[in-house]
Amino acid sequence: MSAEFLSLETIQAIAQHYGYWAVFGGILLENLGIPLPGETVTLVGGFLAGSGQLNYWFVLSSAILGAVIGGTCGYWIGRYAGWTFMLKLGKLLRIPETKLEEIKAQFTENAGKAVFFGRFIALLRVFSGLLAGIAQMPFGQFFLYNLVGAIAWASVMVTLAFFVGRVIALEQLIAWVGQFTLVAFGLVISWLFIPPWLEARKTNKELKSGE
């Protein structure tokens, strides 16, 4: 998530005032689907640790804990209410239930990878737990991938800001990370939707040629 709703100056002020709670709460609420810039808050926390205002290990632990708890809450919401919501949303957007079933099946086949790598991708970080619950991914499996993904993601973000923030402007670092996550999101969307589209085209051509 980027910082459209809050300026970087505001985020820095919140992080400086609330410290580790800001990092924990920011990423936890983002994982619950609330449009807060959890990634930016985490980067700011790492930057403040690099400047000596916060402790690196406490920032890292706060980010990991917020990500794990937020992802787990999202999972249980998805498991008990997500599919019903998806069906209602599909009707509203005129998306056939069969298409929703296909997307669900596609996610189920790659659930572990989606939960782990989704940590590094804009929007998927917010919805991967929810989608895992909808797909009825076994909780033990989800928890393992969610925990490992949270540790990997938080370690990269906090360490990156801790060291790189000393040599380049924080604004530039956040912009680079945001660009990377958007590109990654585009690649994942392509991976999800282009193969079914190509398969549908192939099927249509075969049907036409057989007429």
Protein backbone atom coordinates (compact mmCIF):
# COMPACT_ATOMS: atom_id res chain seq x y z
CA MET A 1 0.00 0.00 0.00
CA SER A 2 1.20 3.47 -0.76
CA ALA A 3 0.61 6.57 1.24
CA GLU A 4 -2.28 8.17 -0.71
CA PHE A 5 -4.39 8.66 2.42
CA LEU A 6 -1.62 9.94 4.66
CA SER A 7 1.34 12.12 3.79
CA LEU A 8 4.82 10.79 4.48
CA GLU A 9 5.32 13.60 7.00
CA THR A 10 2.19 12.48 8.88
CA ILE A 11 3.31 8.85 8.86
CA GLN A 12 6.74 9.83 10.19
CA ALA A 13 5.13 11.90 12.95
CA ILE A 14 2.86 8.98 13.93
CA ALA A 15 5.80 6.54 13.92
CA GLN A 16 7.94 8.88 16.00
CA HIS A 17 5.13 9.41 18.51
CA TYR A 18 3.79 5.85 18.83
CA GLY A 19 6.97 3.99 17.88
CA TYR A 20 6.61 0.23 17.68
CA TRP A 21 2.85 0.37 18.15
CA ALA A 22 2.58 2.37 14.92
CA VAL A 23 4.49 -0.31 13.00
CA PHE A 24 2.50 -3.14 14.58
CA GLY A 25 -0.88 -1.45 14.14
CA GLY A 26 -0.19 -0.16 10.63
CA ILE A 27 0.60 -3.53 9.09
CA LEU A 28 -2.05 -5.36 11.14
CA LEU A 29 -4.84 -3.02 10.02
CA GLU A 30 -3.61 -3.10 6.41
CA ASN A 31 -3.85 -6.90 6.49
CA LEU A 32 -7.45 -6.56 7.66
CA GLY A 33 -8.28 -4.64 4.49
CA ILE A 34 -8.24 -1.15 5.98
CA PRO A 35 -6.58 1.22 3.47
CA LEU A 36 -3.60 2.16 5.61
CA PRO A 37 -0.04 2.33 4.23
CA GLY A 38 1.34 -0.53 6.35
CA GLU A 39 4.35 -1.03 4.10
CA THR A 40 5.26 2.64 4.29
CA VAL A 41 4.91 2.63 8.08
CA THR A 42 7.24 -0.38 8.23
CA LEU A 43 9.81 1.36 6.02
CA VAL A 44 9.58 4.49 8.17
CA GLY A 45 10.11 2.32 11.27
CA GLY A 46 13.25 0.83 9.72
CA PHE A 47 14.46 4.29 8.75
CA LEU A 48 13.96 5.58 12.30
CA ALA A 49 15.87 2.55 13.59
CA GLY A 50 18.70 3.40 11.21
CA SER A 51 18.83 6.94 12.58
CA GLY A 52 18.92 5.66 16.16
CA GLN A 53 15.41 6.77 17.13
CA LEU A 54 14.05 3.22 17.41
CA ASN A 55 15.52 -0.22 18.04
CA TYR A 56 15.99 -2.35 14.93
CA TRP A 57 14.93 -5.63 16.56
CA PHE A 58 11.83 -4.15 18.16
CA VAL A 59 10.75 -2.62 14.84
CA LEU A 60 11.32 -5.96 13.08
CA SER A 61 9.41 -7.89 15.76
CA SER A 62 6.53 -5.41 15.64
CA ALA A 63 6.25 -5.73 11.86
CA ILE A 64 6.37 -9.54 11.96
CA LEU A 65 3.81 -9.76 14.75
CA GLY A 66 1.42 -7.32 13.07
CA ALA A 67 1.70 -9.16 9.75
CA VAL A 68 1.14 -12.61 11.27
CA ILE A 69 -1.85 -11.57 13.38
CA GLY A 70 -3.39 -9.49 10.58
CA GLY A 71 -2.97 -12.28 8.05
CA THR A 72 -4.44 -14.84 10.46
CA CYS A 73 -7.49 -12.67 11.14
CA GLY A 74 -7.96 -12.24 7.39
CA TYR A 75 -7.77 -16.01 6.94
CA TRP A 76 -10.56 -16.73 9.43
CA ILE A 77 -12.74 -13.96 8.01
CA GLY A 78 -12.29 -15.49 4.56
CA ARG A 79 -12.91 -19.02 5.82
CA TYR A 80 -16.24 -18.24 7.47
CA ALA A 81 -17.67 -15.40 5.41
CA GLY A 82 -15.45 -14.75 2.40
CA TRP A 83 -17.01 -17.04 -0.20
CA THR A 84 -20.54 -15.80 0.49
CA PHE A 85 -19.28 -12.24 0.10
CA MET A 86 -17.47 -13.14 -3.13
CA LEU A 87 -20.65 -14.62 -4.61
CA LYS A 88 -22.63 -11.50 -3.73
CA LEU A 89 -19.91 -9.28 -5.17
CA GLY A 90 -19.80 -11.45 -8.29
CA LYS A 91 -23.52 -10.98 -8.83
CA LEU A 92 -23.14 -7.24 -8.36
CA LEU A 93 -20.29 -7.10 -10.89
CA ARG A 94 -21.97 -9.68 -13.17
CA ILE A 95 -19.12 -12.14 -12.82
CA PRO A 96 -20.39 -15.72 -13.35
CA GLU A 97 -20.02 -18.08 -10.40
CA THR A 98 -18.12 -20.47 -12.68
CA LYS A 99 -15.47 -17.80 -13.24
CA LEU A 100 -15.20 -17.22 -9.49
CA GLU A 101 -14.79 -20.98 -9.04
CA GLU A 102 -11.97 -20.95 -11.60
CA ILE A 103 -10.16 -18.14 -9.76
CA LYS A 104 -10.65 -19.99 -6.47
CA ALA A 105 -9.24 -23.18 -7.98
CA GLN A 106 -6.27 -21.27 -9.45
CA PHE A 107 -5.50 -19.80 -6.03
CA THR A 108 -5.92 -23.18 -4.32
CA GLU A 109 -3.35 -24.78 -6.63
CA ASN A 110 -0.79 -22.11 -5.70
CA ALA A 111 -2.00 -21.16 -2.22
CA GLY A 112 1.33 -21.58 -0.44
CA LYS A 113 3.24 -19.50 -3.00
CA ALA A 114 0.49 -16.87 -3.02
CA VAL A 115 0.55 -16.45 0.76
CA PHE A 116 4.36 -16.28 0.91
CA PHE A 117 5.10 -14.10 -2.12
CA GLY A 118 1.90 -12.10 -1.65
CA ARG A 119 3.67 -10.40 1.24
CA PHE A 120 5.86 -8.57 -1.28
CA ILE A 121 3.06 -7.57 -3.66
CA ALA A 122 0.71 -4.60 -3.35
CA LEU A 123 -2.92 -5.59 -2.63
CA LEU A 124 -2.10 -9.31 -2.46
CA ARG A 125 -0.50 -8.59 0.90
CA VAL A 126 -3.91 -7.36 2.02
CA PHE A 127 -6.04 -10.12 0.48
CA SER A 128 -3.85 -13.25 0.47
CA GLY A 129 -5.02 -14.30 3.94
CA LEU A 130 -8.64 -13.67 3.01
CA LEU A 131 -8.27 -15.66 -0.22
CA ALA A 132 -6.52 -18.50 1.61
CA GLY A 133 -9.51 -18.74 3.94
CA ILE A 134 -11.95 -18.67 1.03
CA ALA A 135 -9.98 -21.46 -0.66
CA GLN A 136 -10.22 -23.51 2.57
CA MET A 137 -6.44 -23.81 2.78
CA PRO A 138 -5.57 -25.95 5.84
CA PHE A 139 -4.84 -23.59 8.71
CA GLY A 140 -1.58 -25.28 9.69
CA GLN A 141 -0.26 -24.91 6.16
CA PHE A 142 -1.48 -21.32 5.97
CA PHE A 143 0.07 -20.41 9.31
CA LEU A 144 3.46 -21.77 8.26
CA TYR A 145 3.53 -19.87 4.95
CA ASN A 146 2.08 -16.76 6.61
CA LEU A 147 4.72 -16.82 9.35
CA VAL A 148 7.67 -17.47 7.03
CA GLY A 149 6.38 -14.88 4.54
CA ALA A 150 5.92 -12.30 7.30
CA ILE A 151 9.45 -12.88 8.62
CA ALA A 152 10.96 -12.64 5.12
CA TRP A 153 8.96 -9.55 4.14
CA ALA A 154 9.53 -7.67 7.41
CA SER A 155 13.24 -8.52 7.38
CA VAL A 156 13.67 -7.16 3.85
CA MET A 157 11.63 -3.98 4.44
CA VAL A 158 13.08 -3.07 7.84
CA THR A 159 16.68 -3.95 6.92
CA LEU A 160 16.43 -2.14 3.60
CA ALA A 161 15.21 1.04 5.27
CA PHE A 162 17.70 0.63 8.12
CA PHE A 163 20.75 0.61 5.82
CA VAL A 164 19.66 2.19 2.52
CA GLY A 165 17.83 4.98 4.34
CA ARG A 166 21.21 6.23 5.51
CA VAL A 167 22.42 6.97 1.98
CA ILE A 168 19.29 7.91 0.02
CA ALA A 169 16.20 9.94 0.84
CA LEU A 170 13.35 8.06 2.51
CA GLU A 171 10.94 9.40 -0.12
CA GLN A 172 13.03 7.86 -2.90
CA LEU A 173 13.26 4.51 -1.12
CA ILE A 174 9.49 4.35 -0.63
CA ALA A 175 8.94 5.29 -4.29
CA TRP A 176 11.26 2.48 -5.46
CA VAL A 177 9.57 -0.11 -3.24
CA GLY A 178 6.15 1.08 -4.43
CA GLN A 179 7.17 0.75 -8.07
CA PHE A 180 8.48 -2.76 -7.47
CA THR A 181 5.27 -3.91 -5.76
CA LEU A 182 3.11 -2.48 -8.56
CA VAL A 183 5.16 -4.24 -11.23
CA ALA A 184 4.99 -7.48 -9.23
CA PHE A 185 1.23 -7.06 -8.88
CA GLY A 186 0.88 -6.63 -12.65
CA LEU A 187 2.89 -9.81 -13.25
CA VAL A 188 0.73 -11.80 -10.84
CA ILE A 189 -2.49 -10.55 -12.42
CA SER A 190 -1.13 -11.54 -15.81
CA TRP A 191 -0.23 -14.96 -14.46
CA LEU A 192 -3.76 -15.42 -13.09
CA PHE A 193 -5.80 -14.17 -16.03
CA ILE A 194 -3.78 -14.49 -19.23
CA PRO A 195 -3.52 -18.34 -19.25
CA PRO A 196 -7.32 -18.80 -18.85
CA TRP A 197 -7.89 -16.19 -21.56
CA LEU A 198 -5.51 -17.94 -23.94
CA GLU A 199 -7.13 -21.28 -23.15
CA ALA A 200 -10.57 -19.82 -23.87
CA ARG A 201 -9.33 -18.46 -27.21
CA LYS A 202 -7.85 -21.82 -28.11
CA THR A 203 -11.11 -23.58 -27.25
CA ASN A 204 -13.12 -21.12 -29.35
CA LYS A 205 -10.81 -21.62 -32.33
CA GLU A 206 -11.11 -25.40 -32.03
CA LEU A 207 -14.89 -25.16 -31.88
CA LYS A 208 -15.00 -22.91 -34.95
CA SER A 209 -12.64 -25.14 -36.91
CA GLY A 210 -14.76 -28.18 -36.08
CA GLU A 211 -17.97 -26.63 -37.40
